Amino acid sequence: MTPIDDLIRAYQRGDYGTAYRLSKPLAEQGFAQAQFIIAAMYAKGQGVPQDYAEAFKWCRKAAEQGHTAAQYNLGTMYAKGQGVPQDYEEAFKLYQRPAEEGHPDAQYDLFGMYIKGEGVPQDYAEAAKWGRKAAEQGHISAQYNLGVSYDMGLGVPQNHAEAVKWWRLAAEQGRADAQYRLGNKFKEGRGVTQNYTEAAKWFQKAAEQGHAIAQLDIGFMYGFNQGLGVALDYVLAYMWLTLAISRADVFKEKVRILAIETRHLVSANMTPAQITEAQHLAGEWELKKKAH
């Protein structure tokens, strides 16, 4: 067992006091892994006061020795302006080697920089290339945003079936906006055979995570046309619409207004007791959400 092994074990078990004590002399002796760990501790405030300037200092030392993860973290510090003035061009340079070596987060960050034109000229085709590399490694945000690229035809030919493919992968990992978009594709029958049952399933999953538009859509499906993909249920319709109203923020004002109007139509078919039950269910849902 080497001193570096002892350091890694201490850090992994959350014994930051020991990790810091072990890392400092090793970092000063030039061990890149120790420099990387002490940088992480300063960045996160683990066992030491959070200090981005110290984190940057040690992360740069490790990165200069070719430590891939340190190069990525140093790039992130430049991108966010942590311990150093924000510099997207420097961040882009630092992300390249980790990305080429298969680091999915670095690949995804290159995707984002090419999309936004941060530190590099905007290039949707290059963005899609790096997004695909990260997505193929299971990077959930890359899967979701690559789906958006295919849906909109950004850097790739517009292809709704490909959008569905990537959104399904992200949705199966639990990403709410991917679940919503996948449900919408099933509802519209774009890139996939129209299937209201599948649409309702994915809307429900997103709604349960608090996605306001999905709550509006599943509420509508429960409340109209004898149930779209679900059995007609005015109580559940009212419950989900109530939640959509309460969770739609100022950026979703149209969603909130539509949910209010839809709930009004649903309530015309309900008894006072059913409305009370729906309100109770909505309150219970909110309490469970806060508990988590």
C-alpha atoms as a PDB file:
ATOM      1  CA  MET A   1       0.000   0.000   0.000  1.00  0.00           C
ATOM      2  CA  THR A   2       1.560   3.276  -1.165  1.00  0.00           C
ATOM      3  CA  PRO A   3       0.938   6.735   0.355  1.00  0.00           C
ATOM      4  CA  ILE A   4      -1.095   7.604  -2.758  1.00  0.00           C
ATOM      5  CA  ASP A   5      -3.272   4.513  -2.165  1.00  0.00           C
ATOM      6  CA  ASP A   6      -3.819   5.592   1.442  1.00  0.00           C
ATOM      7  CA  LEU A   7      -4.785   9.070   0.233  1.00  0.00           C
ATOM      8  CA  ILE A   8      -7.262   7.759  -2.339  1.00  0.00           C
ATOM      9  CA  ARG A   9      -8.886   5.432   0.185  1.00  0.00           C
ATOM     10  CA  ALA A  10      -9.240   8.233   2.756  1.00  0.00           C
ATOM     11  CA  TYR A  11     -10.794  10.547   0.185  1.00  0.00           C
ATOM     12  CA  GLN A  12     -13.174   7.899  -1.138  1.00  0.00           C
ATOM     13  CA  ARG A  13     -14.480   7.081   2.339  1.00  0.00           C
ATOM     14  CA  GLY A  14     -15.042  10.776   3.076  1.00  0.00           C
ATOM     15  CA  ASP A  15     -12.273  11.115   5.677  1.00  0.00           C
ATOM     16  CA  TYR A  16     -11.272  14.527   4.407  1.00  0.00           C
ATOM     17  CA  GLY A  17      -9.127  15.452   7.390  1.00  0.00           C
ATOM     18  CA  THR A  18      -6.861  12.476   6.765  1.00  0.00           C
ATOM     19  CA  ALA A  19      -7.040  12.998   3.011  1.00  0.00           C
ATOM     20  CA  TYR A  20      -5.863  16.582   3.328  1.00  0.00           C
ATOM     21  CA  ARG A  21      -3.076  15.646   5.733  1.00  0.00           C
ATOM     22  CA  LEU A  22      -1.844  12.976   3.325  1.00  0.00           C
ATOM     23  CA  SER A  23      -2.350  14.973   0.139  1.00  0.00           C
ATOM     24  CA  LYS A  24      -0.496  18.174   1.020  1.00  0.00           C
ATOM     25  CA  PRO A  25       3.076  16.774   1.212  1.00  0.00           C
ATOM     26  CA  LEU A  26       2.477  14.467  -1.761  1.00  0.00           C
ATOM     27  CA  ALA A  27       1.093  17.344  -3.833  1.00  0.00           C
ATOM     28  CA  GLU A  28       4.100  19.488  -2.931  1.00  0.00           C
ATOM     29  CA  GLN A  29       6.381  16.621  -4.022  1.00  0.00           C
ATOM     30  CA  GLY A  30       4.719  16.731  -7.450  1.00  0.00           C
ATOM     31  CA  PHE A  31       2.367  13.743  -7.390  1.00  0.00           C
ATOM     32  CA  ALA A  32      -0.351  14.621  -9.914  1.00  0.00           C
ATOM     33  CA  GLN A  33      -3.057  12.498  -8.290  1.00  0.00           C
ATOM     34  CA  ALA A  34      -2.464  14.179  -4.926  1.00  0.00           C
ATOM     35  CA  GLN A  35      -2.566  17.586  -6.606  1.00  0.00           C
ATOM     36  CA  PHE A  36      -5.837  16.622  -8.277  1.00  0.00           C
ATOM     37  CA  ILE A  37      -7.398  15.482  -4.988  1.00  0.00           C
ATOM     38  CA  ILE A  38      -6.323  18.512  -2.976  1.00  0.00           C
ATOM     39  CA  ALA A  39      -7.688  20.716  -5.771  1.00  0.00           C
ATOM     40  CA  ALA A  40     -11.027  18.915  -5.554  1.00  0.00           C
ATOM     41  CA  MET A  41     -11.097  19.379  -1.781  1.00  0.00           C
ATOM     42  CA  TYR A  42     -10.510  23.129  -2.069  1.00  0.00           C
ATOM     43  CA  ALA A  43     -13.096  23.426  -4.857  1.00  0.00           C
ATOM     44  CA  LYS A  44     -15.782  21.618  -2.846  1.00  0.00           C
ATOM     45  CA  GLY A  45     -14.814  22.758   0.637  1.00  0.00           C
ATOM     46  CA  GLN A  46     -14.075  19.205   1.773  1.00  0.00           C
ATOM     47  CA  GLY A  47     -12.035  19.280   4.988  1.00  0.00           C
ATOM     48  CA  VAL A  48     -10.853  22.797   4.175  1.00  0.00           C
ATOM     49  CA  PRO A  49     -12.616  26.121   3.572  1.00  0.00           C
ATOM     50  CA  GLN A  50     -13.746  26.406  -0.038  1.00  0.00           C
ATOM     51  CA  ASP A  51     -11.059  28.287  -1.939  1.00  0.00           C
ATOM     52  CA  TYR A  52     -11.228  28.369  -5.730  1.00  0.00           C
ATOM     53  CA  ALA A  53      -7.870  30.135  -6.028  1.00  0.00           C
ATOM     54  CA  GLU A  54      -6.143  27.250  -4.196  1.00  0.00           C
ATOM     55  CA  ALA A  55      -8.192  24.728  -6.159  1.00  0.00           C
ATOM     56  CA  PHE A  56      -7.091  26.344  -9.417  1.00  0.00           C
ATOM     57  CA  LYS A  57      -3.437  26.387  -8.350  1.00  0.00           C
ATOM     58  CA  TRP A  58      -3.290  22.673  -7.584  1.00  0.00           C
ATOM     59  CA  CYS A  59      -5.523  21.642 -10.467  1.00  0.00           C
ATOM     60  CA  ARG A  60      -3.250  23.469 -12.912  1.00  0.00           C
ATOM     61  CA  LYS A  61      -0.186  21.684 -11.502  1.00  0.00           C
ATOM     62  CA  ALA A  62      -1.854  18.300 -12.057  1.00  0.00           C
ATOM     63  CA  ALA A  63      -3.129  19.295 -15.502  1.00  0.00           C
ATOM     64  CA  GLU A  64       0.367  20.389 -16.580  1.00  0.00           C
ATOM     65  CA  GLN A  65       1.536  16.838 -15.827  1.00  0.00           C
ATOM     66  CA  GLY A  66      -1.076  15.428 -18.206  1.00  0.00           C
ATOM     67  CA  HIS A  67      -3.660  14.372 -15.600  1.00  0.00           C
ATOM     68  CA  THR A  68      -6.761  14.032 -17.789  1.00  0.00           C
ATOM     69  CA  ALA A  69      -9.393  14.620 -15.111  1.00  0.00           C
ATOM     70  CA  ALA A  70      -7.465  17.643 -13.857  1.00  0.00           C
ATOM     71  CA  GLN A  71      -7.373  19.059 -17.381  1.00  0.00           C
ATOM     72  CA  TYR A  72     -11.123  18.686 -17.571  1.00  0.00           C
ATOM     73  CA  ASN A  73     -11.671  20.282 -14.146  1.00  0.00           C
ATOM     74  CA  LEU A  74      -9.313  23.120 -15.010  1.00  0.00           C
ATOM     75  CA  GLY A  75     -11.311  23.727 -18.175  1.00  0.00           C
ATOM     76  CA  THR A  76     -14.480  23.881 -16.090  1.00  0.00           C
ATOM     77  CA  MET A  77     -12.902  26.430 -13.760  1.00  0.00           C
ATOM     78  CA  TYR A  78     -12.037  28.611 -16.743  1.00  0.00           C
ATOM     79  CA  ALA A  79     -15.550  28.178 -18.142  1.00  0.00           C
ATOM     80  CA  LYS A  80     -17.177  29.175 -14.838  1.00  0.00           C
ATOM     81  CA  GLY A  81     -14.615  31.749 -13.750  1.00  0.00           C
ATOM     82  CA  GLN A  82     -13.752  29.867 -10.559  1.00  0.00           C
ATOM     83  CA  GLY A  83     -10.385  30.934  -9.129  1.00  0.00           C
ATOM     84  CA  VAL A  84      -9.493  32.535 -12.446  1.00  0.00           C
ATOM     85  CA  PRO A  85     -11.135  35.065 -14.801  1.00  0.00           C
ATOM     86  CA  GLN A  86     -13.696  33.401 -17.057  1.00  0.00           C
ATOM     87  CA  ASP A  87     -12.080  32.406 -20.340  1.00  0.00           C
ATOM     88  CA  TYR A  88     -14.047  30.225 -22.745  1.00  0.00           C
ATOM     89  CA  GLU A  89     -11.191  29.909 -25.227  1.00  0.00           C
ATOM     90  CA  GLU A  90      -8.909  28.459 -22.545  1.00  0.00           C
ATOM     91  CA  ALA A  91     -11.717  26.176 -21.366  1.00  0.00           C
ATOM     92  CA  PHE A  92     -12.209  24.923 -24.921  1.00  0.00           C
ATOM     93  CA  LYS A  93      -8.493  24.137 -25.284  1.00  0.00           C
ATOM     94  CA  LEU A  94      -8.434  22.253 -21.995  1.00  0.00           C
ATOM     95  CA  TYR A  95     -11.519  20.186 -22.805  1.00  0.00           C
ATOM     96  CA  GLN A  96     -10.081  18.907 -26.078  1.00  0.00           C
ATOM     97  CA  ARG A  97      -7.613  16.313 -24.832  1.00  0.00           C
ATOM     98  CA  PRO A  98      -9.988  14.736 -22.274  1.00  0.00           C
ATOM     99  CA  ALA A  99     -12.708  14.693 -24.935  1.00  0.00           C
ATOM    100  CA  GLU A 100     -10.422  12.974 -27.429  1.00  0.00           C
ATOM    101  CA  GLU A 101      -9.498  10.428 -24.765  1.00  0.00           C
ATOM    102  CA  GLY A 102     -13.173   9.593 -24.258  1.00  0.00           C
ATOM    103  CA  HIS A 103     -14.142  11.746 -21.257  1.00  0.00           C
ATOM    104  CA  PRO A 104     -17.948  12.036 -21.719  1.00  0.00           C
ATOM    105  CA  ASP A 105     -18.350  15.235 -19.696  1.00  0.00           C
ATOM    106  CA  ALA A 106     -15.630  16.938 -21.735  1.00  0.00           C
ATOM    107  CA  GLN A 107     -17.277  15.736 -24.941  1.00  0.00           C
ATOM    108  CA  TYR A 108     -20.607  17.120 -23.777  1.00  0.00           C
ATOM    109  CA  ASP A 109     -19.045  20.438 -22.813  1.00  0.00           C
ATOM    110  CA  LEU A 110     -17.507  20.738 -26.285  1.00  0.00           C
ATOM    111  CA  PHE A 111     -20.972  20.055 -27.669  1.00  0.00           C
ATOM    112  CA  GLY A 112     -22.350  22.954 -25.647  1.00  0.00           C
ATOM    113  CA  MET A 113     -19.538  25.316 -26.595  1.00  0.00           C
ATOM    114  CA  TYR A 114     -19.985  24.630 -30.303  1.00  0.00           C
ATOM    115  CA  ILE A 115     -23.752  25.112 -29.969  1.00  0.00           C
ATOM    116  CA  LYS A 116     -23.374  28.465 -28.180  1.00  0.00           C
ATOM    117  CA  GLY A 117     -20.216  29.647 -29.932  1.00  0.00           C
ATOM    118  CA  GLU A 118     -18.365  29.972 -26.625  1.00  0.00           C
ATOM    119  CA  GLY A 119     -14.574  29.983 -27.065  1.00  0.00           C
ATOM    120  CA  VAL A 120     -14.973  28.700 -30.605  1.00  0.00           C
ATOM    121  CA  PRO A 121     -17.011  29.706 -33.682  1.00  0.00           C
ATOM    122  CA  GLN A 122     -20.549  28.321 -33.559  1.00  0.00           C
ATOM    123  CA  ASP A 123     -20.660  25.038 -35.460  1.00  0.00           C
ATOM    124  CA  TYR A 124     -23.702  22.804 -35.133  1.00  0.00           C
ATOM    125  CA  ALA A 125     -22.113  19.938 -37.077  1.00  0.00           C
ATOM    126  CA  GLU A 126     -19.114  19.825 -34.723  1.00  0.00           C
ATOM    127  CA  ALA A 127     -21.506  20.100 -31.798  1.00  0.00           C
ATOM    128  CA  ALA A 128     -23.463  17.083 -33.008  1.00  0.00           C
ATOM    129  CA  LYS A 129     -20.240  15.106 -33.476  1.00  0.00           C
ATOM    130  CA  TRP A 130     -19.169  15.604 -29.867  1.00  0.00           C
ATOM    131  CA  GLY A 131     -22.702  15.255 -28.572  1.00  0.00           C
ATOM    132  CA  ARG A 132     -22.980  11.860 -30.233  1.00  0.00           C
ATOM    133  CA  LYS A 133     -19.701  10.676 -28.695  1.00  0.00           C
ATOM    134  CA  ALA A 134     -20.927  11.571 -25.213  1.00  0.00           C
ATOM    135  CA  ALA A 135     -24.436  10.236 -25.867  1.00  0.00           C
ATOM    136  CA  GLU A 136     -23.074   6.880 -27.004  1.00  0.00           C
ATOM    137  CA  GLN A 137     -21.375   6.597 -23.612  1.00  0.00           C
ATOM    138  CA  GLY A 138     -24.712   7.069 -21.855  1.00  0.00           C
ATOM    139  CA  HIS A 139     -24.348  10.768 -20.992  1.00  0.00           C
ATOM    140  CA  ILE A 140     -27.967  11.662 -20.251  1.00  0.00           C
ATOM    141  CA  SER A 141     -27.766  15.378 -21.104  1.00  0.00           C
ATOM    142  CA  ALA A 142     -25.941  14.591 -24.338  1.00  0.00           C
ATOM    143  CA  GLN A 143     -28.633  12.075 -25.265  1.00  0.00           C
ATOM    144  CA  TYR A 144     -31.352  14.614 -24.601  1.00  0.00           C
ATOM    145  CA  ASN A 145     -29.677  17.462 -26.484  1.00  0.00           C
ATOM    146  CA  LEU A 146     -28.627  15.270 -29.396  1.00  0.00           C
ATOM    147  CA  GLY A 147     -32.318  14.419 -29.673  1.00  0.00           C
ATOM    148  CA  VAL A 148     -33.045  18.148 -29.817  1.00  0.00           C
ATOM    149  CA  SER A 149     -30.439  18.529 -32.583  1.00  0.00           C
ATOM    150  CA  TYR A 150     -32.140  15.829 -34.649  1.00  0.00           C
ATOM    151  CA  ASP A 151     -35.586  17.231 -33.921  1.00  0.00           C
ATOM    152  CA  MET A 152     -34.563  20.687 -35.130  1.00  0.00           C
ATOM    153  CA  GLY A 153     -32.035  19.657 -37.772  1.00  0.00           C
ATOM    154  CA  LEU A 154     -29.111  21.414 -36.059  1.00  0.00           C
ATOM    155  CA  GLY A 155     -25.846  20.100 -37.495  1.00  0.00           C
ATOM    156  CA  VAL A 156     -27.562  16.914 -38.644  1.00  0.00           C
ATOM    157  CA  PRO A 157     -30.407  16.215 -41.085  1.00  0.00           C
ATOM    158  CA  GLN A 158     -33.754  16.615 -39.333  1.00  0.00           C
ATOM    159  CA  ASN A 159     -34.847  13.140 -38.313  1.00  0.00           C
ATOM    160  CA  HIS A 160     -37.712  12.620 -35.878  1.00  0.00           C
ATOM    161  CA  ALA A 161     -36.982   8.891 -35.533  1.00  0.00           C
ATOM    162  CA  GLU A 162     -33.425   9.689 -34.410  1.00  0.00           C
ATOM    163  CA  ALA A 163     -34.794  12.294 -32.000  1.00  0.00           C
ATOM    164  CA  VAL A 164     -37.093   9.632 -30.553  1.00  0.00           C
ATOM    165  CA  LYS A 165     -34.175   7.190 -30.247  1.00  0.00           C
ATOM    166  CA  TRP A 166     -32.024   9.553 -28.189  1.00  0.00           C
ATOM    167  CA  TRP A 167     -34.889  10.927 -26.125  1.00  0.00           C
ATOM    168  CA  ARG A 168     -35.944   7.397 -25.256  1.00  0.00           C
ATOM    169  CA  LEU A 169     -32.471   6.626 -23.937  1.00  0.00           C
ATOM    170  CA  ALA A 170     -32.472   9.792 -21.814  1.00  0.00           C
ATOM    171  CA  ALA A 171     -36.067   9.178 -20.733  1.00  0.00           C
ATOM    172  CA  GLU A 172     -35.221   5.658 -19.583  1.00  0.00           C
ATOM    173  CA  GLN A 173     -32.487   7.191 -17.410  1.00  0.00           C
ATOM    174  CA  GLY A 174     -35.133   9.400 -15.810  1.00  0.00           C
ATOM    175  CA  ARG A 175     -34.688  12.781 -17.502  1.00  0.00           C
ATOM    176  CA  ALA A 176     -38.066  14.518 -17.221  1.00  0.00           C
ATOM    177  CA  ASP A 177     -37.850  16.782 -20.270  1.00  0.00           C
ATOM    178  CA  ALA A 178     -36.844  13.784 -22.406  1.00  0.00           C
ATOM    179  CA  GLN A 179     -39.824  11.864 -21.043  1.00  0.00           C
ATOM    180  CA  TYR A 180     -42.099  14.762 -21.925  1.00  0.00           C
ATOM    181  CA  ARG A 181     -40.712  15.153 -25.449  1.00  0.00           C
ATOM    182  CA  LEU A 182     -40.920  11.400 -26.037  1.00  0.00           C
ATOM    183  CA  GLY A 183     -44.532  11.425 -24.890  1.00  0.00           C
ATOM    184  CA  ASN A 184     -45.237  14.282 -27.268  1.00  0.00           C
ATOM    185  CA  LYS A 185     -43.773  12.326 -30.189  1.00  0.00           C
ATOM    186  CA  PHE A 186     -46.044   9.390 -29.384  1.00  0.00           C
ATOM    187  CA  LYS A 187     -49.024  11.744 -29.108  1.00  0.00           C
ATOM    188  CA  GLU A 188     -48.278  13.349 -32.481  1.00  0.00           C
ATOM    189  CA  GLY A 189     -47.049  10.200 -34.237  1.00  0.00           C
ATOM    190  CA  ARG A 190     -43.817  11.866 -35.429  1.00  0.00           C
ATOM    191  CA  GLY A 191     -40.791   9.599 -35.693  1.00  0.00           C
ATOM    192  CA  VAL A 192     -42.846   6.817 -34.148  1.00  0.00           C
ATOM    193  CA  THR A 193     -46.266   5.249 -34.626  1.00  0.00           C
ATOM    194  CA  GLN A 194     -48.931   7.309 -32.866  1.00  0.00           C
ATOM    195  CA  ASN A 195     -49.744   5.657 -29.560  1.00  0.00           C
ATOM    196  CA  TYR A 196     -51.729   7.488 -26.890  1.00  0.00           C
ATOM    197  CA  THR A 197     -51.023   4.814 -24.291  1.00  0.00           C
ATOM    198  CA  GLU A 198     -47.273   5.290 -24.712  1.00  0.00           C
ATOM    199  CA  ALA A 199     -47.730   9.057 -24.750  1.00  0.00           C
ATOM    200  CA  ALA A 200     -49.635   8.917 -21.463  1.00  0.00           C
ATOM    201  CA  LYS A 201     -46.999   6.646 -19.910  1.00  0.00           C
ATOM    202  CA  TRP A 202     -44.164   9.089 -20.622  1.00  0.00           C
ATOM    203  CA  PHE A 203     -46.210  12.171 -19.731  1.00  0.00           C
ATOM    204  CA  GLN A 204     -47.020  10.504 -16.415  1.00  0.00           C
ATOM    205  CA  LYS A 205     -43.358   9.827 -15.674  1.00  0.00           C
ATOM    206  CA  ALA A 206     -42.405  13.429 -16.415  1.00  0.00           C
ATOM    207  CA  ALA A 207     -45.418  14.768 -14.495  1.00  0.00           C
ATOM    208  CA  GLU A 208     -44.416  12.777 -11.425  1.00  0.00           C
ATOM    209  CA  GLN A 209     -41.077  14.615 -11.494  1.00  0.00           C
ATOM    210  CA  GLY A 210     -42.835  17.983 -11.516  1.00  0.00           C
ATOM    211  CA  HIS A 211     -42.693  18.790 -15.235  1.00  0.00           C
ATOM    212  CA  ALA A 212     -45.491  21.367 -15.527  1.00  0.00           C
ATOM    213  CA  ILE A 213     -46.272  20.888 -19.235  1.00  0.00           C
ATOM    214  CA  ALA A 214     -46.408  17.115 -18.793  1.00  0.00           C
ATOM    215  CA  GLN A 215     -48.778  17.632 -15.871  1.00  0.00           C
ATOM    216  CA  LEU A 216     -51.002  19.723 -18.143  1.00  0.00           C
ATOM    217  CA  ASP A 217     -50.936  17.079 -20.880  1.00  0.00           C
ATOM    218  CA  ILE A 218     -51.617  14.092 -18.621  1.00  0.00           C
ATOM    219  CA  GLY A 219     -54.368  16.089 -16.946  1.00  0.00           C
ATOM    220  CA  PHE A 220     -55.945  16.727 -20.340  1.00  0.00           C
ATOM    221  CA  MET A 221     -55.654  13.042 -21.275  1.00  0.00           C
ATOM    222  CA  TYR A 222     -57.433  11.964 -18.098  1.00  0.00           C
ATOM    223  CA  GLY A 223     -60.165  14.557 -18.567  1.00  0.00           C
ATOM    224  CA  PHE A 224     -61.264  14.349 -22.191  1.00  0.00           C
ATOM    225  CA  ASN A 225     -62.301  12.070 -25.044  1.00  0.00           C
ATOM    226  CA  GLN A 226     -63.133   9.172 -22.740  1.00  0.00           C
ATOM    227  CA  GLY A 227     -59.508   9.167 -21.697  1.00  0.00           C
ATOM    228  CA  LEU A 228     -56.654   9.369 -24.199  1.00  0.00           C
ATOM    229  CA  GLY A 229     -54.369   6.441 -23.534  1.00  0.00           C
ATOM    230  CA  VAL A 230     -55.753   6.287 -19.991  1.00  0.00           C
ATOM    231  CA  ALA A 231     -59.162   5.617 -18.482  1.00  0.00           C
ATOM    232  CA  LEU A 232     -61.309   8.729 -18.097  1.00  0.00           C
ATOM    233  CA  ASP A 233     -60.790  10.020 -14.546  1.00  0.00           C
ATOM    234  CA  TYR A 234     -61.900  13.534 -13.653  1.00  0.00           C
ATOM    235  CA  VAL A 235     -60.321  13.398 -10.197  1.00  0.00           C
ATOM    236  CA  LEU A 236     -56.869  12.616 -11.582  1.00  0.00           C
ATOM    237  CA  ALA A 237     -57.354  15.143 -14.367  1.00  0.00           C
ATOM    238  CA  TYR A 238     -58.192  17.875 -11.840  1.00  0.00           C
ATOM    239  CA  MET A 239     -55.288  16.849  -9.618  1.00  0.00           C
ATOM    240  CA  TRP A 240     -52.668  17.048 -12.382  1.00  0.00           C
ATOM    241  CA  LEU A 241     -54.084  20.296 -13.746  1.00  0.00           C
ATOM    242  CA  THR A 242     -53.970  21.813 -10.264  1.00  0.00           C
ATOM    243  CA  LEU A 243     -50.322  20.821  -9.980  1.00  0.00           C
ATOM    244  CA  ALA A 244     -49.575  22.251 -13.428  1.00  0.00           C
ATOM    245  CA  ILE A 245     -51.114  25.555 -12.328  1.00  0.00           C
ATOM    246  CA  SER A 246     -49.050  25.701  -9.150  1.00  0.00           C
ATOM    247  CA  ARG A 247     -45.766  24.635 -10.747  1.00  0.00           C
ATOM    248  CA  ALA A 248     -45.824  26.629 -13.995  1.00  0.00           C
ATOM    249  CA  ASP A 249     -43.444  29.525 -13.360  1.00  0.00           C
ATOM    250  CA  VAL A 250     -43.433  32.929 -15.034  1.00  0.00           C
ATOM    251  CA  PHE A 251     -41.725  31.448 -18.084  1.00  0.00           C
ATOM    252  CA  LYS A 252     -44.649  29.084 -18.549  1.00  0.00           C
ATOM    253  CA  GLU A 253     -47.477  31.586 -18.124  1.00  0.00           C
ATOM    254  CA  LYS A 254     -49.284  30.176 -21.168  1.00  0.00           C
ATOM    255  CA  VAL A 255     -49.140  26.721 -19.587  1.00  0.00           C
ATOM    256  CA  ARG A 256     -50.638  28.056 -16.363  1.00  0.00           C
ATOM    257  CA  ILE A 257     -53.469  29.839 -18.184  1.00  0.00           C
ATOM    258  CA  LEU A 258     -54.263  26.791 -20.315  1.00  0.00           C
ATOM    259  CA  ALA A 259     -54.218  24.558 -17.235  1.00  0.00           C
ATOM    260  CA  ILE A 260     -56.668  26.921 -15.474  1.00  0.00           C
ATOM    261  CA  GLU A 261     -58.995  26.905 -18.478  1.00  0.00           C
ATOM    262  CA  THR A 262     -58.783  23.124 -18.861  1.00  0.00           C
ATOM    263  CA  ARG A 263     -59.405  22.516 -15.155  1.00  0.00           C
ATOM    264  CA  HIS A 264     -62.495  24.742 -15.363  1.00  0.00           C
ATOM    265  CA  LEU A 265     -63.884  22.545 -18.146  1.00  0.00           C
ATOM    266  CA  VAL A 266     -63.087  19.362 -16.224  1.00  0.00           C
ATOM    267  CA  SER A 267     -64.685  20.679 -13.023  1.00  0.00           C
ATOM    268  CA  ALA A 268     -68.021  21.108 -14.837  1.00  0.00           C
ATOM    269  CA  ASN A 269     -68.282  17.291 -14.872  1.00  0.00           C
ATOM    270  CA  MET A 270     -67.362  16.827 -11.202  1.00  0.00           C
ATOM    271  CA  THR A 271     -69.188  16.785  -7.890  1.00  0.00           C
ATOM    272  CA  PRO A 272     -67.959  18.963  -5.008  1.00  0.00           C
ATOM    273  CA  ALA A 273     -66.747  15.790  -3.269  1.00  0.00           C
ATOM    274  CA  GLN A 274     -64.665  14.811  -6.291  1.00  0.00           C
ATOM    275  CA  ILE A 275     -63.098  18.278  -6.448  1.00  0.00           C
ATOM    276  CA  THR A 276     -62.234  18.060  -2.754  1.00  0.00           C
ATOM    277  CA  GLU A 277     -60.665  14.634  -3.312  1.00  0.00           C
ATOM    278  CA  ALA A 278     -58.602  15.943  -6.239  1.00  0.00           C
ATOM    279  CA  GLN A 279     -57.387  18.914  -4.203  1.00  0.00           C
ATOM    280  CA  HIS A 280     -56.418  16.554  -1.389  1.00  0.00           C
ATOM    281  CA  LEU A 281     -54.464  14.339  -3.802  1.00  0.00           C
ATOM    282  CA  ALA A 282     -52.655  17.381  -5.205  1.00  0.00           C
ATOM    283  CA  GLY A 283     -51.708  18.468  -1.684  1.00  0.00           C
ATOM    284  CA  GLU A 284     -50.427  14.989  -0.843  1.00  0.00           C
ATOM    285  CA  TRP A 285     -48.345  14.969  -4.021  1.00  0.00           C
ATOM    286  CA  GLU A 286     -46.769  18.304  -3.115  1.00  0.00           C
ATOM    287  CA  LEU A 287     -45.924  17.071   0.390  1.00  0.00           C
ATOM    288  CA  LYS A 288     -44.271  13.940  -0.974  1.00  0.00           C
ATOM    289  CA  LYS A 289     -42.304  16.027  -3.473  1.00  0.00           C
ATOM    290  CA  LYS A 290     -41.021  18.333  -0.738  1.00  0.00           C
ATOM    291  CA  ALA A 291     -40.057  15.337   1.404  1.00  0.00           C
ATOM    292  CA  HIS A 292     -37.746  14.188  -1.361  1.00  0.00           C
END
